[in-house]
Amino acid sequence: MGANEILKDNKTTEPLDTLELLEEQEVLERAVMYLRPQEKLVITLYYYEDMLLREIADVPILTESRISQIHHGALLSIRAKVNKSNEAQEVQS
């Protein structure tokens, strides 16, 4: 067992990993900002407020089914924006 293995702190992350995580978080936050208002509301309540779809359905007077549709559409929109951002970064590299 080498000295690096003995001294490695498994509770911390490497600086590069932390930077990549922060960049990914920034891309996600920007993607959420561009969602339609209902999509943004659903994503915010679901992921940041830890609400269930049926709980969210009680908030804006929408059915759980409609909330689920909005949630799915919002995720597709976020995924597309994140993929586009990743492609742009690859071109710059």
N, C-alpha and C. Protein backbone atom coordinates (compact mmCIF):
# COMPACT_ATOMS: atom_id res chain seq x y z
N MET A 1 0.86 -1.18 0.00
CA MET A 1 0.00 0.00 0.00
C MET A 1 0.90 1.23 0.00
N GLY A 2 0.71 2.11 -0.98
CA GLY A 2 1.53 3.30 -1.10
C GLY A 2 1.08 4.41 -0.18
N ALA A 3 1.93 5.42 -0.04
CA ALA A 3 1.62 6.56 0.82
C ALA A 3 0.39 7.30 0.35
N ASN A 4 0.20 7.40 -0.97
CA ASN A 4 -0.98 8.11 -1.49
C ASN A 4 -2.27 7.41 -1.08
N GLU A 5 -2.26 6.08 -1.05
CA GLU A 5 -3.45 5.34 -0.66
C GLU A 5 -3.74 5.51 0.82
N ILE A 6 -2.70 5.57 1.62
CA ILE A 6 -2.88 5.73 3.06
C ILE A 6 -3.41 7.13 3.38
N LEU A 7 -2.90 8.14 2.71
CA LEU A 7 -3.25 9.52 3.02
C LEU A 7 -4.49 10.02 2.29
N LYS A 8 -5.03 9.23 1.36
CA LYS A 8 -6.18 9.69 0.60
C LYS A 8 -7.41 9.81 1.50
N ASP A 9 -8.07 10.94 1.42
CA ASP A 9 -9.27 11.21 2.20
C ASP A 9 -10.47 10.90 1.32
N ASN A 10 -11.15 9.80 1.58
CA ASN A 10 -12.29 9.38 0.77
C ASN A 10 -13.53 10.22 1.01
N LYS A 11 -13.51 11.07 2.02
CA LYS A 11 -14.66 11.91 2.32
C LYS A 11 -14.68 13.17 1.45
N THR A 12 -13.58 13.48 0.84
CA THR A 12 -13.51 14.68 0.01
C THR A 12 -13.43 14.28 -1.46
N THR A 13 -13.71 15.24 -2.31
CA THR A 13 -13.63 14.99 -3.75
C THR A 13 -12.44 15.74 -4.31
N GLU A 14 -12.02 15.30 -5.45
CA GLU A 14 -10.92 15.95 -6.14
C GLU A 14 -11.40 17.32 -6.64
N PRO A 15 -10.53 18.31 -6.71
CA PRO A 15 -10.92 19.64 -7.18
C PRO A 15 -11.56 19.62 -8.58
N LEU A 16 -11.04 18.80 -9.47
CA LEU A 16 -11.60 18.72 -10.81
C LEU A 16 -13.01 18.15 -10.78
N ASP A 17 -13.25 17.15 -9.94
CA ASP A 17 -14.59 16.58 -9.79
C ASP A 17 -15.57 17.63 -9.28
N THR A 18 -15.13 18.41 -8.30
CA THR A 18 -15.96 19.46 -7.74
C THR A 18 -16.28 20.51 -8.79
N LEU A 19 -15.31 20.90 -9.57
CA LEU A 19 -15.52 21.89 -10.63
C LEU A 19 -16.50 21.38 -11.67
N GLU A 20 -16.35 20.13 -12.07
CA GLU A 20 -17.26 19.54 -13.05
C GLU A 20 -18.68 19.48 -12.51
N LEU A 21 -18.82 19.13 -11.24
CA LEU A 21 -20.13 19.08 -10.61
C LEU A 21 -20.77 20.47 -10.58
N LEU A 22 -20.00 21.49 -10.25
CA LEU A 22 -20.51 22.86 -10.22
C LEU A 22 -20.93 23.32 -11.61
N GLU A 23 -20.15 22.95 -12.63
CA GLU A 23 -20.49 23.33 -13.99
C GLU A 23 -21.79 22.64 -14.44
N GLU A 24 -21.95 21.37 -14.09
CA GLU A 24 -23.17 20.64 -14.43
C GLU A 24 -24.37 21.26 -13.73
N GLN A 25 -24.20 21.64 -12.47
CA GLN A 25 -25.28 22.26 -11.72
C GLN A 25 -25.68 23.59 -12.36
N GLU A 26 -24.70 24.36 -12.80
CA GLU A 26 -24.97 25.64 -13.45
C GLU A 26 -25.75 25.43 -14.75
N VAL A 27 -25.37 24.43 -15.52
CA VAL A 27 -26.08 24.12 -16.78
C VAL A 27 -27.52 23.74 -16.48
N LEU A 28 -27.73 22.90 -15.46
CA LEU A 28 -29.08 22.50 -15.09
C LEU A 28 -29.92 23.69 -14.63
N GLU A 29 -29.33 24.56 -13.82
CA GLU A 29 -30.07 25.73 -13.33
C GLU A 29 -30.47 26.64 -14.49
N ARG A 30 -29.57 26.81 -15.46
CA ARG A 30 -29.92 27.63 -16.63
C ARG A 30 -31.03 26.97 -17.43
N ALA A 31 -30.97 25.66 -17.58
CA ALA A 31 -32.00 24.94 -18.33
C ALA A 31 -33.37 25.10 -17.66
N VAL A 32 -33.40 25.03 -16.33
CA VAL A 32 -34.66 25.19 -15.60
C VAL A 32 -35.20 26.61 -15.78
N MET A 33 -34.33 27.60 -15.83
CA MET A 33 -34.77 28.99 -15.98
C MET A 33 -35.55 29.19 -17.28
N TYR A 34 -35.26 28.40 -18.31
CA TYR A 34 -35.90 28.59 -19.60
C TYR A 34 -37.16 27.75 -19.79
N LEU A 35 -37.57 27.04 -18.76
CA LEU A 35 -38.80 26.26 -18.85
C LEU A 35 -40.01 27.18 -18.85
N ARG A 36 -41.11 26.67 -19.37
CA ARG A 36 -42.38 27.41 -19.28
C ARG A 36 -42.77 27.48 -17.80
N PRO A 37 -43.57 28.47 -17.41
CA PRO A 37 -43.90 28.65 -15.99
C PRO A 37 -44.45 27.39 -15.29
N GLN A 38 -45.37 26.68 -15.94
CA GLN A 38 -45.91 25.47 -15.31
C GLN A 38 -44.84 24.40 -15.15
N GLU A 39 -43.98 24.25 -16.15
CA GLU A 39 -42.91 23.26 -16.07
C GLU A 39 -41.96 23.61 -14.94
N LYS A 40 -41.61 24.88 -14.86
CA LYS A 40 -40.70 25.34 -13.80
C LYS A 40 -41.30 25.08 -12.42
N LEU A 41 -42.59 25.34 -12.29
CA LEU A 41 -43.27 25.11 -11.01
C LEU A 41 -43.22 23.64 -10.64
N VAL A 42 -43.55 22.76 -11.58
CA VAL A 42 -43.55 21.33 -11.30
C VAL A 42 -42.16 20.84 -10.92
N ILE A 43 -41.14 21.23 -11.69
CA ILE A 43 -39.77 20.80 -11.39
C ILE A 43 -39.33 21.32 -10.03
N THR A 44 -39.64 22.56 -9.74
CA THR A 44 -39.26 23.15 -8.46
C THR A 44 -39.93 22.42 -7.30
N LEU A 45 -41.23 22.20 -7.40
CA LEU A 45 -41.94 21.53 -6.31
C LEU A 45 -41.49 20.08 -6.16
N TYR A 46 -41.26 19.41 -7.28
CA TYR A 46 -40.91 17.99 -7.23
C TYR A 46 -39.49 17.76 -6.71
N TYR A 47 -38.53 18.50 -7.26
CA TYR A 47 -37.13 18.24 -6.91
C TYR A 47 -36.60 19.08 -5.74
N TYR A 48 -37.10 20.30 -5.61
CA TYR A 48 -36.57 21.15 -4.54
C TYR A 48 -37.43 21.10 -3.28
N GLU A 49 -38.74 20.86 -3.45
CA GLU A 49 -39.63 20.80 -2.29
C GLU A 49 -40.00 19.36 -1.93
N ASP A 50 -39.49 18.39 -2.72
CA ASP A 50 -39.72 16.96 -2.48
C ASP A 50 -41.20 16.60 -2.38
N MET A 51 -42.01 17.23 -3.21
CA MET A 51 -43.44 16.93 -3.23
C MET A 51 -43.72 15.80 -4.21
N LEU A 52 -44.73 15.01 -3.92
CA LEU A 52 -45.19 13.96 -4.82
C LEU A 52 -46.05 14.59 -5.91
N LEU A 53 -46.19 13.88 -7.04
CA LEU A 53 -47.02 14.42 -8.12
C LEU A 53 -48.44 14.68 -7.67
N ARG A 54 -49.00 13.77 -6.83
CA ARG A 54 -50.37 13.99 -6.38
C ARG A 54 -50.47 15.20 -5.46
N GLU A 55 -49.40 15.50 -4.72
CA GLU A 55 -49.39 16.70 -3.87
C GLU A 55 -49.30 17.95 -4.73
N ILE A 56 -48.49 17.88 -5.78
CA ILE A 56 -48.35 19.03 -6.67
C ILE A 56 -49.67 19.30 -7.38
N ALA A 57 -50.41 18.24 -7.68
CA ALA A 57 -51.69 18.40 -8.37
C ALA A 57 -52.67 19.25 -7.56
N ASP A 58 -52.52 19.28 -6.25
CA ASP A 58 -53.39 20.09 -5.40
C ASP A 58 -53.02 21.57 -5.44
N VAL A 59 -51.80 21.89 -5.82
CA VAL A 59 -51.33 23.27 -5.76
C VAL A 59 -51.91 24.14 -6.88
N PRO A 60 -51.60 23.85 -8.16
CA PRO A 60 -52.07 24.77 -9.20
C PRO A 60 -53.39 24.37 -9.85
N ILE A 61 -54.21 23.55 -9.19
CA ILE A 61 -55.50 23.11 -9.71
C ILE A 61 -55.32 22.37 -11.04
N LEU A 62 -54.39 21.45 -11.07
CA LEU A 62 -54.18 20.59 -12.21
C LEU A 62 -54.29 19.14 -11.74
N THR A 63 -54.61 18.24 -12.64
CA THR A 63 -54.69 16.83 -12.27
C THR A 63 -53.30 16.24 -12.14
N GLU A 64 -53.20 15.14 -11.44
CA GLU A 64 -51.92 14.45 -11.31
C GLU A 64 -51.40 14.02 -12.67
N SER A 65 -52.30 13.61 -13.53
CA SER A 65 -51.92 13.20 -14.88
C SER A 65 -51.28 14.36 -15.64
N ARG A 66 -51.90 15.54 -15.54
CA ARG A 66 -51.36 16.71 -16.24
C ARG A 66 -50.02 17.12 -15.63
N ILE A 67 -49.92 17.06 -14.33
CA ILE A 67 -48.65 17.36 -13.66
C ILE A 67 -47.57 16.41 -14.16
N SER A 68 -47.91 15.12 -14.29
CA SER A 68 -46.96 14.13 -14.78
C SER A 68 -46.52 14.47 -16.20
N GLN A 69 -47.46 14.89 -17.05
CA GLN A 69 -47.13 15.28 -18.42
C GLN A 69 -46.19 16.49 -18.43
N ILE A 70 -46.50 17.47 -17.62
CA ILE A 70 -45.66 18.67 -17.54
C ILE A 70 -44.27 18.30 -17.04
N HIS A 71 -44.20 17.45 -16.03
CA HIS A 71 -42.93 17.00 -15.47
C HIS A 71 -42.10 16.31 -16.55
N HIS A 72 -42.72 15.42 -17.30
CA HIS A 72 -42.01 14.69 -18.36
C HIS A 72 -41.51 15.66 -19.44
N GLY A 73 -42.37 16.59 -19.86
CA GLY A 73 -41.98 17.57 -20.87
C GLY A 73 -40.83 18.45 -20.39
N ALA A 74 -40.88 18.82 -19.13
CA ALA A 74 -39.82 19.66 -18.57
C ALA A 74 -38.49 18.91 -18.55
N LEU A 75 -38.53 17.63 -18.19
CA LEU A 75 -37.30 16.84 -18.18
C LEU A 75 -36.72 16.71 -19.58
N LEU A 76 -37.57 16.52 -20.59
CA LEU A 76 -37.10 16.45 -21.97
C LEU A 76 -36.45 17.76 -22.38
N SER A 77 -37.07 18.86 -22.00
CA SER A 77 -36.54 20.18 -22.33
C SER A 77 -35.19 20.41 -21.66
N ILE A 78 -35.08 20.06 -20.38
CA ILE A 78 -33.82 20.21 -19.65
C ILE A 78 -32.75 19.34 -20.29
N ARG A 79 -33.09 18.09 -20.59
CA ARG A 79 -32.13 17.17 -21.19
C ARG A 79 -31.60 17.73 -22.52
N ALA A 80 -32.49 18.28 -23.33
CA ALA A 80 -32.08 18.84 -24.62
C ALA A 80 -31.13 20.01 -24.42
N LYS A 81 -31.43 20.90 -23.48
CA LYS A 81 -30.56 22.06 -23.22
C LYS A 81 -29.21 21.63 -22.67
N VAL A 82 -29.20 20.63 -21.79
CA VAL A 82 -27.95 20.14 -21.22
C VAL A 82 -27.11 19.49 -22.32
N ASN A 83 -27.74 18.68 -23.16
CA ASN A 83 -27.01 18.05 -24.27
C ASN A 83 -26.44 19.09 -25.21
N LYS A 84 -27.21 20.12 -25.50
CA LYS A 84 -26.75 21.20 -26.38
C LYS A 84 -25.55 21.91 -25.76
N SER A 85 -25.62 22.16 -24.46
CA SER A 85 -24.52 22.82 -23.75
C SER A 85 -23.28 21.94 -23.76
N ASN A 86 -23.46 20.64 -23.54
CA ASN A 86 -22.32 19.71 -23.55
C ASN A 86 -21.69 19.65 -24.93
N GLU A 87 -22.49 19.65 -25.98
CA GLU A 87 -21.97 19.63 -27.35
C GLU A 87 -21.17 20.90 -27.63
N ALA A 88 -21.67 22.03 -27.16
CA ALA A 88 -20.95 23.30 -27.37
C ALA A 88 -19.62 23.29 -26.64
N GLN A 89 -19.58 22.71 -25.44
CA GLN A 89 -18.32 22.63 -24.69
C GLN A 89 -17.33 21.71 -25.39
N GLU A 90 -17.82 20.63 -25.98
CA GLU A 90 -16.92 19.72 -26.68
C GLU A 90 -16.30 20.37 -27.91
N VAL A 91 -17.07 21.22 -28.59
CA VAL A 91 -16.56 21.92 -29.76
C VAL A 91 -15.49 22.91 -29.34
N GLN A 92 -15.66 23.56 -28.18
CA GLN A 92 -14.69 24.54 -27.70
C GLN A 92 -13.40 23.88 -27.23
N SER A 93 -13.47 22.62 -26.82
CA SER A 93 -12.28 21.93 -26.28
C SER A 93 -11.30 21.59 -27.34
